[in-house]
Amino acid sequence: MAKILAIEDDATTGKEIVAELAHNGFETEWVADGRKGLDRALSGDFDAVILDRLLPGVDGLAIVTALRAEGIDIPVLMISALSDVDERIRGLRAGGDDYMTKPFASEELAARLEVLLRRRGAAPRSTLTVGDLELDLLSRLAHRAGAEIRLMPTEFKLLEFMMRNSGQVLTRTMIFEAIWGYHFDPGTNLIDVHLGRMRRKIDRPGLAPLIHTIRGSGYEIRAPE
């Protein structure tokens, strides 16, 4: 899994970047201060950097210039509210590999980052596998036994969460908070509805079941023994 450093002082944008990249198979560390961001970027722990142009502490141009001066050649995707052509040219000439102006679609940012990493030979894992079930994180399609499985958005999130934790028993509370993002309501049937519909698509008649109900504990997805 590629490790990404996002240096962005706006909390909303930073959280959106982290969430979108997680859906695309990236591990992301978010830093809101330019000085700390520069220290982390110089550590050599990352495969790419997403870098805001205007930052407190140290400016984005200074960060990318320092990286190149130290011989750190990882991809740098610059983002900024400054849309002027001259500003974009300055960012690229300073050592940025790509430049996006705000506001931008987080899906496009993830796609551009993937292209940059692919050029450098560090593309993230884009497929999860459990037994004969495969989930493509980019197309958001699943395949099992040669058949394509189309998933609703919540089904995709649910399946991704379970496959990333395959072989582990996931409680209803863990599932609810990971997918819906707020405190578990024991009276809701959301999990039963979505899991039941997803299970009918994946564990079709004639196939060994992958999704198991662990009575009194929760649910688990695992490859057949």
Protein backbone atom coordinates (compact mmCIF):
# COMPACT_ATOMS: atom_id res chain seq x y z
CA MET A 1 0.00 0.00 0.00
CA ALA A 2 1.44 3.38 -1.02
CA LYS A 3 1.96 5.88 1.83
CA ILE A 4 0.89 9.44 1.09
CA LEU A 5 1.66 12.63 2.99
CA ALA A 6 -1.03 15.32 2.67
CA ILE A 7 0.09 18.79 3.76
CA GLU A 8 -3.07 20.91 3.88
CA ASP A 9 -4.03 23.52 6.48
CA ASP A 10 -7.79 23.43 5.85
CA ALA A 11 -9.31 20.74 8.08
CA THR A 12 -12.30 20.01 5.85
CA THR A 13 -10.15 19.56 2.75
CA GLY A 14 -7.62 17.49 4.66
CA LYS A 15 -10.25 15.08 5.98
CA GLU A 16 -11.82 14.74 2.53
CA ILE A 17 -8.44 13.87 1.03
CA VAL A 18 -7.75 11.23 3.68
CA ALA A 19 -11.20 9.66 3.26
CA GLU A 20 -11.04 9.56 -0.54
CA LEU A 21 -7.52 8.13 -0.65
CA ALA A 22 -8.48 5.45 1.86
CA HIS A 23 -11.25 4.34 -0.51
CA ASN A 24 -8.64 4.01 -3.24
CA GLY A 25 -6.21 1.88 -1.27
CA PHE A 26 -3.80 4.56 0.01
CA GLU A 27 -2.49 4.99 3.54
CA THR A 28 -2.46 8.74 4.22
CA GLU A 29 -0.94 10.93 6.92
CA TRP A 30 -2.38 14.44 7.12
CA VAL A 31 -0.37 17.40 8.44
CA ALA A 32 -1.85 20.91 8.75
CA ASP A 33 1.35 22.93 9.27
CA GLY A 34 4.00 23.69 6.66
CA ARG A 35 6.99 23.37 9.00
CA LYS A 36 5.89 20.00 10.36
CA GLY A 37 4.92 18.94 6.84
CA LEU A 38 8.43 19.70 5.59
CA ASP A 39 9.97 17.64 8.39
CA ARG A 40 7.71 14.69 7.59
CA ALA A 41 8.32 14.99 3.83
CA LEU A 42 12.10 14.97 4.39
CA SER A 43 11.83 11.78 6.49
CA GLY A 44 11.69 9.57 3.40
CA ASP A 45 8.71 7.63 4.78
CA PHE A 46 6.31 8.43 1.93
CA ASP A 47 5.71 7.45 -1.68
CA ALA A 48 4.11 10.77 -2.66
CA VAL A 49 3.13 14.17 -1.27
CA ILE A 50 -0.05 16.19 -1.74
CA LEU A 51 1.01 19.77 -1.05
CA ASP A 52 -1.05 22.90 -0.54
CA ARG A 53 0.49 26.02 -2.08
CA LEU A 54 -0.32 28.38 0.81
CA LEU A 55 0.56 27.04 4.25
CA PRO A 56 1.30 28.41 7.73
CA GLY A 57 4.91 28.05 8.83
CA VAL A 58 6.56 27.15 5.51
CA ASP A 59 5.15 27.92 2.05
CA GLY A 60 4.36 25.07 -0.33
CA LEU A 61 6.89 26.30 -2.89
CA ALA A 62 9.60 26.27 -0.24
CA ILE A 63 8.68 22.69 0.70
CA VAL A 64 8.88 21.29 -2.82
CA THR A 65 12.09 23.24 -3.48
CA ALA A 66 13.66 21.80 -0.32
CA LEU A 67 12.63 18.26 -1.29
CA ARG A 68 14.27 18.53 -4.69
CA ALA A 69 17.37 20.16 -3.21
CA GLU A 70 17.75 17.14 -0.91
CA GLY A 71 17.44 14.77 -3.85
CA ILE A 72 14.02 13.46 -2.79
CA ASP A 73 12.34 12.64 -6.08
CA ILE A 74 8.93 11.37 -4.93
CA PRO A 75 5.84 12.66 -6.81
CA VAL A 76 4.44 15.96 -5.54
CA LEU A 77 0.86 16.89 -6.40
CA MET A 78 0.31 20.56 -5.60
CA ILE A 79 -3.14 21.97 -4.79
CA SER A 80 -4.06 25.63 -4.42
CA ALA A 81 -6.81 28.21 -4.53
CA LEU A 82 -4.43 30.24 -6.72
CA SER A 83 -5.63 29.51 -10.25
CA ASP A 84 -3.47 32.00 -12.12
CA VAL A 85 -1.40 30.40 -14.89
CA ASP A 86 1.80 31.99 -13.58
CA GLU A 87 1.21 30.40 -10.17
CA ARG A 88 0.77 26.97 -11.70
CA ILE A 89 3.97 27.42 -13.69
CA ARG A 90 5.84 28.46 -10.54
CA GLY A 91 4.65 25.34 -8.73
CA LEU A 92 5.68 23.04 -11.56
CA ARG A 93 9.04 24.72 -12.08
CA ALA A 94 9.79 24.48 -8.38
CA GLY A 95 9.54 20.71 -8.68
CA GLY A 96 5.85 19.84 -8.54
CA ASP A 97 4.72 16.97 -10.78
CA ASP A 98 1.11 18.10 -11.13
CA TYR A 99 -1.05 21.05 -10.03
CA MET A 100 -4.76 21.17 -9.19
CA THR A 101 -6.75 24.31 -8.36
CA LYS A 102 -9.41 24.43 -5.65
CA PRO A 103 -12.17 23.50 -5.54
CA PHE A 104 -11.51 20.09 -7.05
CA ALA A 105 -13.23 16.70 -7.13
CA SER A 106 -11.55 14.38 -4.63
CA GLU A 107 -12.04 11.49 -7.09
CA GLU A 108 -9.95 13.35 -9.67
CA LEU A 109 -7.22 14.02 -7.11
CA ALA A 110 -7.02 10.29 -6.32
CA ALA A 111 -6.89 9.44 -10.03
CA ARG A 112 -4.11 11.94 -10.72
CA LEU A 113 -2.14 10.64 -7.75
CA GLU A 114 -2.48 7.09 -9.02
CA VAL A 115 -1.12 8.15 -12.42
CA LEU A 116 1.88 9.85 -10.81
CA LEU A 117 2.64 6.77 -8.71
CA ARG A 118 2.22 4.43 -11.66
CA ARG A 119 4.81 6.43 -13.57
CA ARG A 120 7.19 5.97 -10.63
CA GLY A 121 6.33 2.27 -10.20
CA ALA A 122 4.56 2.67 -6.86
CA ALA A 123 0.88 2.25 -7.72
CA PRO A 124 -1.30 1.24 -4.75
CA ARG A 125 -2.97 -2.10 -4.39
CA SER A 126 -6.29 -1.65 -6.14
CA THR A 127 -7.83 -5.10 -5.62
CA LEU A 128 -8.86 -6.94 -2.45
CA THR A 129 -9.18 -10.74 -2.55
CA VAL A 130 -10.84 -13.26 -0.25
CA GLY A 131 -10.96 -16.76 -1.69
CA ASP A 132 -12.33 -16.46 -5.23
CA LEU A 133 -13.94 -13.08 -4.51
CA GLU A 134 -12.20 -9.99 -5.87
CA LEU A 135 -13.13 -6.36 -5.20
CA ASP A 136 -11.73 -3.70 -7.52
CA LEU A 137 -11.36 -0.48 -5.51
CA LEU A 138 -11.15 1.67 -8.63
CA SER A 139 -14.08 0.37 -10.67
CA ARG A 140 -15.99 -0.52 -7.46
CA LEU A 141 -17.02 -3.82 -9.01
CA ALA A 142 -16.72 -7.28 -7.49
CA HIS A 143 -16.16 -10.59 -9.31
CA ARG A 144 -16.71 -14.12 -8.13
CA ALA A 145 -16.62 -17.37 -10.10
CA GLY A 146 -16.29 -15.42 -13.35
CA ALA A 147 -19.39 -13.32 -12.71
CA GLU A 148 -19.48 -9.56 -12.26
CA ILE A 149 -21.21 -8.32 -9.11
CA ARG A 150 -22.57 -4.78 -9.11
CA LEU A 151 -22.76 -3.19 -5.70
CA MET A 152 -24.74 -0.29 -4.33
CA PRO A 153 -22.55 2.40 -2.67
CA THR A 154 -23.26 1.20 0.88
CA GLU A 155 -22.76 -2.43 -0.15
CA PHE A 156 -19.36 -1.51 -1.60
CA LYS A 157 -18.29 0.22 1.63
CA LEU A 158 -19.52 -2.70 3.70
CA LEU A 159 -17.77 -5.31 1.56
CA GLU A 160 -14.54 -3.30 1.45
CA PHE A 161 -14.53 -2.98 5.24
CA MET A 162 -15.12 -6.69 5.72
CA MET A 163 -12.52 -7.74 3.14
CA ARG A 164 -9.89 -5.44 4.65
CA ASN A 165 -10.57 -7.27 7.91
CA SER A 166 -11.02 -10.78 6.51
CA GLY A 167 -10.66 -13.57 9.04
CA GLN A 168 -11.73 -11.28 11.90
CA VAL A 169 -15.10 -11.27 13.64
CA LEU A 170 -16.64 -7.83 13.21
CA THR A 171 -19.25 -6.80 15.75
CA ARG A 172 -22.39 -4.96 14.75
CA THR A 173 -21.08 -1.88 16.54
CA MET A 174 -17.79 -1.96 14.57
CA ILE A 175 -19.63 -2.32 11.27
CA PHE A 176 -22.20 0.35 12.02
CA GLU A 177 -19.65 2.97 13.08
CA ALA A 178 -17.28 2.19 10.18
CA ILE A 179 -19.99 2.42 7.50
CA TRP A 180 -22.47 4.95 8.85
CA GLY A 181 -20.06 6.92 11.01
CA TYR A 182 -22.13 7.51 14.11
CA HIS A 183 -22.95 5.71 17.35
CA PHE A 184 -24.55 2.32 16.99
CA ASP A 185 -28.30 2.13 17.50
CA PRO A 186 -29.11 -1.44 18.64
CA GLY A 187 -32.66 -1.02 17.40
CA THR A 188 -31.75 -0.39 13.75
CA ASN A 189 -31.92 -3.04 11.04
CA LEU A 190 -29.62 -1.19 8.60
CA ILE A 191 -26.87 -3.80 8.92
CA ASP A 192 -29.28 -6.71 8.39
CA VAL A 193 -30.81 -5.13 5.28
CA HIS A 194 -27.55 -4.23 3.54
CA LEU A 195 -25.62 -7.32 4.61
CA GLY A 196 -28.47 -9.61 3.58
CA ARG A 197 -28.70 -8.03 0.12
CA MET A 198 -24.92 -8.12 -0.34
CA ARG A 199 -24.73 -11.73 0.83
CA ARG A 200 -27.29 -12.84 -1.78
CA LYS A 201 -25.09 -11.32 -4.50
CA ILE A 202 -21.84 -12.88 -3.26
CA ASP A 203 -22.81 -16.24 -1.77
CA ARG A 204 -24.93 -17.43 -4.68
CA PRO A 205 -26.35 -20.97 -4.69
CA GLY A 206 -23.69 -23.54 -5.53
CA LEU A 207 -20.81 -21.43 -4.16
CA ALA A 208 -19.08 -22.00 -0.84
CA PRO A 209 -20.22 -19.27 1.57
CA LEU A 210 -17.71 -16.53 2.36
CA ILE A 211 -19.81 -14.38 4.70
CA HIS A 212 -20.59 -15.99 8.05
CA THR A 213 -22.81 -14.96 10.95
CA ILE A 214 -21.04 -15.58 14.24
CA ARG A 215 -23.95 -16.02 16.60
CA GLY A 216 -23.80 -13.62 19.53
CA SER A 217 -20.68 -11.88 18.18
CA GLY A 218 -21.12 -10.44 14.70
CA TYR A 219 -20.04 -11.26 11.15
CA GLU A 220 -16.94 -12.52 9.39
CA ILE A 221 -15.77 -12.92 5.80
CA ARG A 222 -13.19 -15.63 5.18
CA ALA A 223 -11.96 -17.91 2.45
CA PRO A 224 -13.34 -21.49 2.44
CA GLU A 225 -11.12 -23.96 4.31
